[in-house]
């Protein structure tokens, strides 16, 4: 059977302890993955400072050139997969393997692959956004000048530990700049999606990056926690339960549910039909699996009409074969998870307080009796769901790993404060007062002014947090002339 080793600072290592990656439809094992226990992780982390020194010795300009080469290798080349058996992985193999273990259709895997490759290829622009245009020789030398002022930055730690998810390969583009920022990576992959971080590491190694830059440690939850506890800085992806345990640790950047939204102002609400394509794309693209997918549409009026129009569009989406280029939704790896989510939505739909707008699954009528939880070709799907409710209802601010959104009625004077924390808000309005309230809101992480889908990311600006500021701190410095 295919075996993925761990990478101990770039060196393949085959463990006797393995976990199996399962085909989401057939439930047959498709690979074994070496598992790292906490003792091994702890021993290897004692070497992180040495790995940092190796990477720090390489000029940033050289690492940017390597990133461009890594982009080509990631997209086009056969790269090592099971070195102990001499098995390589081509791009088509990668797409098929990610799809098999996660359920994501080929077309979506390829789009995510292009996103990662794009970040690697345009790393200079990405870093210009993260550093706000700093000359990267500042991290080569630790000190320099900008605008006639002396500047100095120092690393906050010797490595970046990352606990990764299974939901979508595109999220891996968030940590890829760390290598150019001279920070060794210690990656704990998701149990169903080890393929992407492993292939990214192999692309960097093919481009000439030193092996010490990459640790790949498949592990259980305890192993992931060990990485985060002992790395200088960390990132964790997951649901609220997984990320909240690190809430009070400033070393750890948390990436949980996004609660992203489309908001329409009173000046544009009577033209809502012109913006329907943007709203549908925000909800549906990438199978609704991303934290930047819209899970809410907040409007001052016409809420029911908008919900009906969205439901009519989304009810036409049906399961398709993994290799169908028109596939728009993905099955759940674990059918029990799909069952629990659907039951949770039904439970909340039944909740109703006096004076509160009853929540309605508007898509139910448009599906012609087809239940939300659907079985097709041996896989479990949740069909796109649009709910109409008011802001007090439990479903007004919920997020699930499929195309789900609540259309919420709220007076414009309560926007954007009523939205709550939101990773992305697409604000469709030209009202200067509402725009200023959005700009002043600390609850909006990323703001799209105008009809821009929530999934459209400009990589020249920080997306969720700022990786440069997470890894480096500025110090005051003075020098005699």
Protein backbone atom coordinates (compact mmCIF):
# COMPACT_ATOMS: atom_id res chain seq x y z
CA UNK A 1 0.00 0.00 0.00
CA UNK A 2 1.09 3.57 -0.69
CA UNK A 3 2.90 5.03 2.31
CA UNK A 4 3.46 8.70 3.15
CA UNK A 5 6.39 9.16 5.53
CA UNK A 6 6.80 11.97 7.98
CA UNK A 7 9.48 14.54 7.17
CA UNK A 8 11.83 15.18 10.07
CA UNK A 9 13.30 18.51 8.96
CA UNK A 10 13.02 17.33 5.37
CA UNK A 11 14.30 13.78 5.90
CA UNK A 12 11.76 11.01 5.18
CA UNK A 13 11.08 8.76 8.16
CA UNK A 14 8.87 5.67 8.16
CA UNK A 15 7.16 4.93 11.44
CA UNK A 16 5.78 1.59 12.64
CA UNK A 17 2.73 3.51 13.87
CA UNK A 18 0.51 4.35 10.89
CA UNK A 19 -2.94 5.76 10.19
CA UNK A 20 -4.92 4.92 7.10
CA UNK A 21 -6.38 7.42 4.68
CA UNK A 22 -9.80 6.18 3.56
CA UNK A 23 -11.56 6.68 0.24
CA UNK A 24 -14.61 8.73 1.18
CA UNK A 25 -16.98 6.74 -1.07
CA UNK A 26 -15.73 3.15 -1.07
CA UNK A 27 -14.43 3.33 2.54
CA UNK A 28 -11.39 1.36 1.37
CA UNK A 29 -7.90 2.43 2.52
CA UNK A 30 -5.90 4.26 -0.15
CA UNK A 31 -2.72 5.08 1.80
CA UNK A 32 -0.94 4.66 5.09
CA UNK A 33 0.64 7.66 6.78
CA UNK A 34 3.47 7.46 9.32
CA UNK A 35 2.39 8.83 12.70
CA UNK A 36 4.54 10.95 14.99
CA UNK A 37 4.14 10.49 18.73
CA UNK A 38 4.62 13.33 21.19
CA UNK A 39 8.04 12.10 22.30
CA UNK A 40 9.41 12.15 18.75
CA UNK A 41 7.93 15.59 18.13
CA UNK A 42 9.45 16.92 21.34
CA UNK A 43 12.89 15.55 20.43
CA UNK A 44 12.78 17.06 16.95
CA UNK A 45 11.62 20.44 18.22
CA UNK A 46 14.87 20.69 20.15
CA UNK A 47 16.47 21.27 16.72
CA UNK A 48 14.23 24.13 15.60
CA UNK A 49 16.80 26.85 16.35
CA UNK A 50 19.37 25.08 14.15
CA UNK A 51 16.83 24.84 11.34
CA UNK A 52 16.06 28.53 11.72
CA UNK A 53 19.75 29.45 11.40
CA UNK A 54 20.04 27.42 8.19
CA UNK A 55 17.08 29.16 6.60
CA UNK A 56 18.06 32.61 7.91
CA UNK A 57 21.36 32.41 6.03
CA UNK A 58 19.59 32.44 2.65
CA UNK A 59 18.78 35.90 1.20
CA UNK A 60 15.08 36.66 0.89
CA UNK A 61 15.52 37.41 -2.82
CA UNK A 62 16.87 33.89 -3.32
CA UNK A 63 13.92 32.40 -1.44
CA UNK A 64 11.48 34.40 -3.59
CA UNK A 65 13.12 32.95 -6.70
CA UNK A 66 12.80 29.48 -5.17
CA UNK A 67 9.11 30.14 -4.51
CA UNK A 68 8.55 30.82 -8.22
CA UNK A 69 10.29 27.56 -9.09
CA UNK A 70 8.29 25.72 -6.42
CA UNK A 71 5.10 27.04 -8.02
CA UNK A 72 6.02 25.36 -11.31
CA UNK A 73 7.06 22.13 -9.61
CA UNK A 74 3.83 22.04 -7.57
CA UNK A 75 1.63 22.51 -10.64
CA UNK A 76 3.49 20.47 -13.26
CA UNK A 77 6.05 18.00 -11.96
CA UNK A 78 6.17 14.50 -10.62
CA UNK A 79 7.36 14.84 -7.04
CA UNK A 80 8.37 12.23 -4.42
CA UNK A 81 5.44 10.69 -2.58
CA UNK A 82 6.58 7.33 -1.19
CA UNK A 83 10.39 7.53 -1.39
CA UNK A 84 10.88 4.16 0.28
CA UNK A 85 8.99 2.47 -2.58
CA UNK A 86 10.23 4.88 -5.27
CA UNK A 87 6.70 6.18 -5.97
CA UNK A 88 6.22 9.70 -7.33
CA UNK A 89 3.09 11.81 -7.60
CA UNK A 90 2.11 13.75 -10.71
CA UNK A 91 -0.39 16.63 -10.77
CA UNK A 92 -3.23 14.40 -11.93
CA UNK A 93 -2.38 11.85 -9.25
CA UNK A 94 -2.53 14.61 -6.65
CA UNK A 95 -5.95 15.81 -7.84
CA UNK A 96 -7.37 12.28 -7.80
CA UNK A 97 -5.94 11.52 -4.33
CA UNK A 98 -7.23 14.73 -2.73
CA UNK A 99 -10.64 14.09 -4.27
CA UNK A 100 -10.69 10.47 -3.13
CA UNK A 101 -9.97 11.24 0.53
CA UNK A 102 -11.88 14.53 0.94
CA UNK A 103 -14.72 14.14 -1.58
CA UNK A 104 -13.86 17.44 -3.23
CA UNK A 105 -14.55 17.28 -7.01
CA UNK A 106 -11.57 17.42 -9.36
CA UNK A 107 -12.53 20.85 -10.68
CA UNK A 108 -12.43 22.34 -7.18
CA UNK A 109 -9.13 20.64 -6.31
CA UNK A 110 -7.58 22.11 -9.47
CA UNK A 111 -8.85 25.61 -8.61
CA UNK A 112 -7.34 25.32 -5.13
CA UNK A 113 -4.12 24.00 -6.65
CA UNK A 114 -3.95 27.07 -8.89
CA UNK A 115 -4.54 29.33 -5.88
CA UNK A 116 -1.57 27.82 -4.03
CA UNK A 117 0.62 27.98 -7.11
CA UNK A 118 -0.40 31.61 -7.64
CA UNK A 119 0.69 32.60 -4.15
CA UNK A 120 4.06 30.89 -4.66
CA UNK A 121 4.53 32.51 -8.08
CA UNK A 122 3.57 36.00 -6.86
CA UNK A 123 5.34 35.77 -3.51
CA UNK A 124 6.98 39.17 -3.90
CA UNK A 125 3.54 40.83 -4.19
CA UNK A 126 2.14 38.77 -1.32
CA UNK A 127 5.00 39.82 0.94
CA UNK A 128 4.71 43.43 -0.19
CA UNK A 129 1.17 43.33 1.18
CA UNK A 130 2.11 41.55 4.40
CA UNK A 131 5.07 43.86 5.11
CA UNK A 132 3.44 47.00 3.68
CA UNK A 133 6.19 47.34 1.12
CA UNK A 134 9.26 46.84 3.31
CA UNK A 135 12.55 46.00 1.65
CA UNK A 136 13.03 42.34 2.56
CA UNK A 137 16.74 42.92 3.10
CA UNK A 138 15.51 44.10 6.52
CA UNK A 139 14.95 40.49 7.52
CA UNK A 140 18.23 39.46 5.88
CA UNK A 141 20.25 41.88 8.02
CA UNK A 142 17.88 42.52 10.91
CA UNK A 143 18.29 46.26 10.42
CA UNK A 144 17.91 48.77 7.62
CA UNK A 145 16.29 52.03 6.62
CA UNK A 146 12.95 53.06 5.17
CA UNK A 147 12.07 56.67 4.40
CA UNK A 148 15.28 57.82 6.09
CA UNK A 149 14.39 56.06 9.36
CA UNK A 150 16.28 53.20 10.93
CA UNK A 151 14.19 50.03 11.20
CA UNK A 152 14.85 46.71 12.89
CA UNK A 153 12.82 43.51 13.05
CA UNK A 154 13.48 40.33 14.98
CA UNK A 155 11.84 36.88 14.80
CA UNK A 156 9.33 36.10 17.53
CA UNK A 157 10.37 32.43 17.52
CA UNK A 158 12.48 29.79 15.80
CA UNK A 159 9.69 27.99 13.92
CA UNK A 160 6.05 28.09 12.90
CA UNK A 161 3.92 25.12 13.90
CA UNK A 162 0.69 24.66 11.93
CA UNK A 163 -2.20 22.33 12.71
CA UNK A 164 -3.98 21.93 9.38
CA UNK A 165 -7.59 21.16 8.34
CA UNK A 166 -9.24 18.79 5.85
CA UNK A 167 -11.86 21.08 4.35
CA UNK A 168 -10.10 22.77 1.40
CA UNK A 169 -6.56 22.74 -0.03
CA UNK A 170 -6.65 26.49 -0.64
CA UNK A 171 -6.13 27.30 3.03
CA UNK A 172 -2.54 26.10 2.73
CA UNK A 173 -1.72 29.27 0.83
CA UNK A 174 -1.92 31.12 4.17
CA UNK A 175 1.24 29.54 5.62
CA UNK A 176 3.35 29.20 2.46
CA UNK A 177 4.95 32.70 2.82
CA UNK A 178 6.61 31.55 6.07
CA UNK A 179 9.44 29.90 4.13
CA UNK A 180 10.42 33.15 2.41
CA UNK A 181 10.14 34.82 5.81
CA UNK A 182 12.87 32.38 6.91
CA UNK A 183 10.73 30.48 9.39
CA UNK A 184 10.97 26.66 9.46
CA UNK A 185 7.60 24.94 9.28
CA UNK A 186 6.36 22.07 11.42
CA UNK A 187 3.14 20.88 9.85
CA UNK A 188 0.55 18.58 11.36
CA UNK A 189 -1.70 17.64 8.38
CA UNK A 190 -5.39 16.87 8.52
CA UNK A 191 -6.08 13.15 8.75
CA UNK A 192 -7.97 13.07 5.43
CA UNK A 193 -5.77 15.56 3.56
CA UNK A 194 -2.04 14.96 3.98
CA UNK A 195 -1.47 15.34 0.25
CA UNK A 196 -1.30 19.14 -0.13
CA UNK A 197 1.19 20.13 2.61
CA UNK A 198 3.41 17.19 1.63
CA UNK A 199 3.39 18.18 -2.05
CA UNK A 200 4.10 21.84 -1.20
CA UNK A 201 7.12 20.77 0.86
CA UNK A 202 8.38 18.53 -1.93
CA UNK A 203 7.98 21.37 -4.47
CA UNK A 204 10.11 23.64 -2.27
CA UNK A 205 12.73 20.94 -1.84
CA UNK A 206 12.86 20.39 -5.63
CA UNK A 207 13.42 24.16 -5.97
CA UNK A 208 16.53 23.93 -3.78
CA UNK A 209 15.18 24.92 -0.38
CA UNK A 210 17.16 23.30 2.47
CA UNK A 211 15.43 20.25 4.00
CA UNK A 212 15.59 21.84 7.45
CA UNK A 213 12.80 24.22 6.36
CA UNK A 214 10.12 21.51 6.56
CA UNK A 215 8.78 19.21 9.20
CA UNK A 216 5.75 17.09 8.30
CA UNK A 217 4.36 15.35 11.37
CA UNK A 218 1.07 13.45 10.91
CA UNK A 219 -0.22 12.90 14.43
CA UNK A 220 -3.24 12.69 16.69
CA UNK A 221 -4.66 15.68 18.58
CA UNK A 222 -2.03 15.32 21.29
CA UNK A 223 0.74 15.52 18.69
CA UNK A 224 -0.79 18.67 17.19
CA UNK A 225 -0.99 20.26 20.63
CA UNK A 226 2.65 19.33 21.28
CA UNK A 227 3.70 21.17 18.13
CA UNK A 228 1.75 24.29 19.08
CA UNK A 229 3.01 24.30 22.65
CA UNK A 230 6.69 24.11 21.74
CA UNK A 231 7.01 26.08 18.49
CA UNK A 232 7.83 29.76 18.81
CA UNK A 233 4.70 30.72 16.86
CA UNK A 234 1.71 28.70 15.73
CA UNK A 235 -1.40 28.57 13.56
CA UNK A 236 -4.39 26.31 14.14
CA UNK A 237 -7.27 25.62 11.77
CA UNK A 238 -10.52 24.00 12.83
CA UNK A 239 -13.93 24.44 14.33
CA UNK A 240 -14.70 26.55 17.38
CA UNK A 241 -13.89 23.69 19.76
CA UNK A 242 -10.46 23.11 18.20
CA UNK A 243 -9.46 26.76 18.07
CA UNK A 244 -10.93 28.10 21.31
CA UNK A 245 -8.50 26.19 23.52
CA UNK A 246 -5.77 28.51 22.17
CA UNK A 247 -7.79 31.71 22.62
CA UNK A 248 -5.59 33.04 25.44
CA UNK A 249 -2.25 32.09 23.87
CA UNK A 250 -0.94 35.08 21.88
CA UNK A 251 1.61 32.84 20.14
CA UNK A 252 -1.15 31.01 18.27
CA UNK A 253 -3.07 32.50 15.36
CA UNK A 254 -6.52 30.89 15.21
CA UNK A 255 -8.38 30.19 11.96
CA UNK A 256 -11.88 29.00 12.75
CA UNK A 257 -15.30 29.65 11.20
CA UNK A 258 -15.40 32.87 9.20
CA UNK A 259 -19.07 33.88 9.51
CA UNK A 260 -18.54 35.84 6.27
CA UNK A 261 -21.46 37.86 4.95
CA UNK A 262 -22.95 39.86 2.11
CA UNK A 263 -24.59 43.07 3.29
CA UNK A 264 -26.78 45.29 1.08
CA UNK A 265 -27.46 48.92 1.97
CA UNK A 266 -30.81 50.69 1.62
CA UNK A 267 -29.47 52.60 -1.40
CA UNK A 268 -28.95 49.32 -3.33
CA UNK A 269 -31.59 47.02 -1.88
CA UNK A 270 -34.24 47.77 -4.52
CA UNK A 271 -31.70 46.60 -7.13
CA UNK A 272 -30.95 43.34 -5.29
CA UNK A 273 -31.61 41.22 -8.41
CA UNK A 274 -28.58 42.84 -10.09
CA UNK A 275 -26.40 41.46 -7.30
CA UNK A 276 -27.80 37.92 -7.22
CA UNK A 277 -24.84 36.41 -9.12
CA UNK A 278 -22.38 37.83 -6.56
CA UNK A 279 -24.43 36.46 -3.67
CA UNK A 280 -24.77 33.00 -5.24
CA UNK A 281 -21.03 32.84 -5.96
CA UNK A 282 -20.24 33.89 -2.39
CA UNK A 283 -22.37 31.06 -1.01
CA UNK A 284 -21.69 28.29 -3.52
CA UNK A 285 -18.13 28.49 -4.83
CA UNK A 286 -15.67 25.89 -3.54
CA UNK A 287 -18.64 23.82 -2.45
CA UNK A 288 -19.34 26.17 0.46
CA UNK A 289 -16.35 24.71 2.31
CA UNK A 290 -14.32 27.86 2.91
CA UNK A 291 -14.35 30.28 5.81
CA UNK A 292 -14.70 33.02 3.18
CA UNK A 293 -17.94 31.57 1.83
CA UNK A 294 -20.90 33.75 2.77
CA UNK A 295 -23.04 32.18 5.48
CA UNK A 296 -25.30 35.22 5.81
CA UNK A 297 -27.03 37.82 3.61
CA UNK A 298 -28.07 40.82 5.74
CA UNK A 299 -30.60 43.22 4.23
CA UNK A 300 -32.88 46.08 5.34
CA UNK A 301 -35.86 44.77 3.30
CA UNK A 302 -36.91 42.29 0.58
CA UNK A 303 -35.45 39.48 2.67
CA UNK A 304 -38.03 36.86 1.73
CA UNK A 305 -37.86 37.71 -1.99
CA UNK A 306 -34.06 37.46 -1.93
CA UNK A 307 -34.24 34.14 -0.07
CA UNK A 308 -36.71 32.76 -2.63
CA UNK A 309 -34.50 33.84 -5.55
CA UNK A 310 -31.39 32.32 -3.97
CA UNK A 311 -33.26 29.12 -3.16
CA UNK A 312 -34.49 28.79 -6.73
CA UNK A 313 -30.93 29.11 -8.05
CA UNK A 314 -29.30 26.83 -5.49
CA UNK A 315 -31.99 24.14 -5.53
CA UNK A 316 -30.87 23.31 -9.05
CA UNK A 317 -27.46 22.19 -7.73
CA UNK A 318 -27.22 18.41 -7.51
CA UNK A 319 -24.49 15.85 -6.77
CA UNK A 320 -22.30 14.90 -9.70
CA UNK A 321 -19.38 12.57 -10.32
CA UNK A 322 -16.03 13.65 -8.87
CA UNK A 323 -14.55 14.11 -12.36
CA UNK A 324 -17.55 16.04 -13.73
CA UNK A 325 -16.33 19.56 -14.62
CA UNK A 326 -19.74 20.96 -13.62
CA UNK A 327 -19.65 19.54 -10.08
CA UNK A 328 -20.45 22.27 -7.53
CA UNK A 329 -20.83 20.46 -4.20
CA UNK A 330 -18.82 17.83 -2.36
CA UNK A 331 -19.86 14.84 -0.26
CA UNK A 332 -19.01 14.51 3.42
CA UNK A 333 -16.14 12.20 4.29
CA UNK A 334 -18.05 11.01 7.36
CA UNK A 335 -21.79 10.47 6.66
CA UNK A 336 -22.53 10.82 10.38
CA UNK A 337 -21.29 14.43 10.28
CA UNK A 338 -23.73 15.27 7.48
CA UNK A 339 -26.55 13.65 9.46
CA UNK A 340 -25.70 15.65 12.59
CA UNK A 341 -25.52 18.95 10.71
CA UNK A 342 -28.87 18.38 9.01
CA UNK A 343 -30.48 17.39 12.32
CA UNK A 344 -29.02 20.51 13.98
CA UNK A 345 -30.49 22.76 11.27
CA UNK A 346 -33.90 21.08 11.63
CA UNK A 347 -33.75 21.48 15.41
CA UNK A 348 -33.00 25.20 15.10
CA UNK A 349 -35.69 25.67 12.46
CA UNK A 350 -38.19 24.42 15.01
CA UNK A 351 -37.18 27.06 17.55
CA UNK A 352 -39.41 30.10 17.67
CA UNK A 353 -39.76 32.86 20.25
CA UNK A 354 -42.81 35.19 20.51
CA UNK A 355 -42.33 38.25 18.32
CA UNK A 356 -39.55 36.57 16.35
CA UNK A 357 -39.67 35.82 12.63
CA UNK A 358 -39.98 32.07 12.24
CA UNK A 359 -36.95 30.60 10.45
CA UNK A 360 -37.92 28.92 7.19
CA UNK A 361 -35.85 26.60 5.01
CA UNK A 362 -36.85 28.31 1.77
CA UNK A 363 -35.00 25.78 -0.39
CA UNK A 364 -37.17 22.90 0.84
CA UNK A 365 -40.09 23.89 -1.41
CA UNK A 366 -37.81 24.44 -4.40
CA UNK A 367 -36.24 20.97 -4.07
CA UNK A 368 -39.59 19.34 -4.85
CA UNK A 369 -39.60 17.06 -1.84
CA UNK A 370 -35.94 16.01 -2.07
CA UNK A 371 -34.53 16.03 1.47
CA UNK A 372 -31.55 18.18 2.41
CA UNK A 373 -29.56 15.09 3.39
CA UNK A 374 -29.08 13.16 0.16
CA UNK A 375 -27.31 9.93 -0.73
CA UNK A 376 -25.85 9.66 -4.21
CA UNK A 377 -23.41 7.12 -5.67
CA UNK A 378 -22.58 5.79 -2.23
CA UNK A 379 -21.81 9.21 -0.72
CA UNK A 380 -23.65 11.55 1.65
CA UNK A 381 -24.37 15.13 0.58
CA UNK A 382 -26.05 18.13 2.14
CA UNK A 383 -27.88 20.02 -0.58
CA UNK A 384 -27.61 23.84 -0.61
CA UNK A 385 -29.87 25.42 1.98
CA UNK A 386 -31.18 28.98 2.28
CA UNK A 387 -32.94 30.02 5.49
CA UNK A 388 -34.93 33.22 6.02
CA UNK A 389 -34.99 34.53 9.58
CA UNK A 390 -34.34 37.60 11.71
CA UNK A 391 -31.17 38.42 13.59
CA UNK A 392 -32.37 37.02 16.91
CA UNK A 393 -32.76 33.50 15.57
CA UNK A 394 -30.04 30.87 16.28
CA UNK A 395 -29.57 30.28 12.52
CA UNK A 396 -28.85 33.94 11.78
CA UNK A 397 -25.14 33.50 12.49
CA UNK A 398 -24.29 29.87 11.83
CA UNK A 399 -21.74 28.34 9.50
CA UNK A 400 -21.57 24.82 8.07
CA UNK A 401 -19.28 22.98 5.63
CA UNK A 402 -21.71 23.11 2.71
CA UNK A 403 -23.55 25.88 0.84
CA UNK A 404 -25.70 27.26 3.65
CA UNK A 405 -26.75 30.86 4.22
CA UNK A 406 -29.32 32.73 6.25
CA UNK A 407 -31.05 35.77 4.76
CA UNK A 408 -31.48 38.09 7.72
CA UNK A 409 -33.71 41.15 8.00
CA UNK A 410 -32.15 44.03 9.92
CA UNK A 411 -32.61 47.84 9.82
CA UNK A 412 -29.76 49.63 8.07
CA UNK A 413 -29.08 51.81 11.11
CA UNK A 414 -28.05 48.63 12.95
CA UNK A 415 -25.46 47.74 10.31
CA UNK A 416 -22.71 46.69 10.50
CA UNK A 417 -22.76 46.38 14.31
CA UNK A 418 -25.48 43.71 14.15
CA UNK A 419 -23.32 41.41 12.00
CA UNK A 420 -21.04 40.20 14.75
CA UNK A 421 -17.46 39.05 14.07
CA UNK A 422 -17.03 38.47 10.31
CA UNK A 423 -13.95 37.33 8.42
CA UNK A 424 -15.18 38.89 5.15
CA UNK A 425 -18.01 41.35 4.57
CA UNK A 426 -19.04 42.30 1.07
CA UNK A 427 -20.82 45.63 1.56
CA UNK A 428 -22.96 46.53 -1.46
CA UNK A 429 -23.62 50.20 -0.81
CA UNK A 430 -22.50 53.67 -1.81
CA UNK A 431 -23.90 55.30 1.31
CA UNK A 432 -20.89 57.21 2.78
CA UNK A 433 -22.20 56.90 6.34
CA UNK A 434 -22.63 53.11 6.10
CA UNK A 435 -19.25 52.74 4.40
CA UNK A 436 -17.59 54.70 7.21
CA UNK A 437 -19.31 52.55 9.83
CA UNK A 438 -17.93 49.47 8.06
CA UNK A 439 -14.45 50.95 7.89
CA UNK A 440 -14.57 51.74 11.60
CA UNK A 441 -15.86 48.32 12.65
CA UNK A 442 -13.30 46.18 14.55
CA UNK A 443 -15.49 43.10 13.91
CA UNK A 444 -14.83 43.07 10.13
CA UNK A 445 -11.52 41.46 9.25
CA UNK A 446 -11.69 41.92 5.47
CA UNK A 447 -13.96 44.42 3.71
CA UNK A 448 -15.09 44.31 0.09
CA UNK A 449 -16.68 47.62 -0.86
CA UNK A 450 -19.04 46.91 -3.74
CA UNK A 451 -20.38 43.75 -5.41
CA UNK A 452 -17.27 41.59 -4.97
CA UNK A 453 -17.76 37.89 -4.08
CA UNK A 454 -16.56 37.11 -0.58
CA UNK A 455 -14.20 34.43 -1.94
CA UNK A 456 -12.26 36.85 -4.13
CA UNK A 457 -8.95 37.32 -2.32
CA UNK A 458 -6.32 39.93 -3.13
CA UNK A 459 -3.12 38.24 -1.97
CA UNK A 460 -1.26 41.55 -1.90
CA UNK A 461 -3.19 42.31 1.31
CA UNK A 462 -3.35 40.33 4.57
CA UNK A 463 -6.25 37.90 4.50
CA UNK A 464 -6.81 36.69 8.05
CA UNK A 465 -4.25 38.08 10.42
CA UNK A 466 -0.85 39.17 9.15
CA UNK A 467 1.75 36.42 8.91
CA UNK A 468 4.68 38.84 8.87
CA UNK A 469 3.54 40.56 12.07
CA UNK A 470 2.82 37.15 13.59
CA UNK A 471 6.38 35.98 12.92
CA UNK A 472 8.33 39.23 13.39
CA UNK A 473 8.29 42.11 15.84
CA UNK A 474 9.71 45.58 15.34
CA UNK A 475 12.24 46.90 17.82
CA UNK A 476 13.27 50.48 18.47
CA UNK A 477 16.83 51.12 17.30
CA UNK A 478 19.21 54.08 17.36
CA UNK A 479 22.70 54.35 15.90
CA UNK A 480 25.38 57.00 16.11
CA UNK A 481 26.02 58.60 12.76
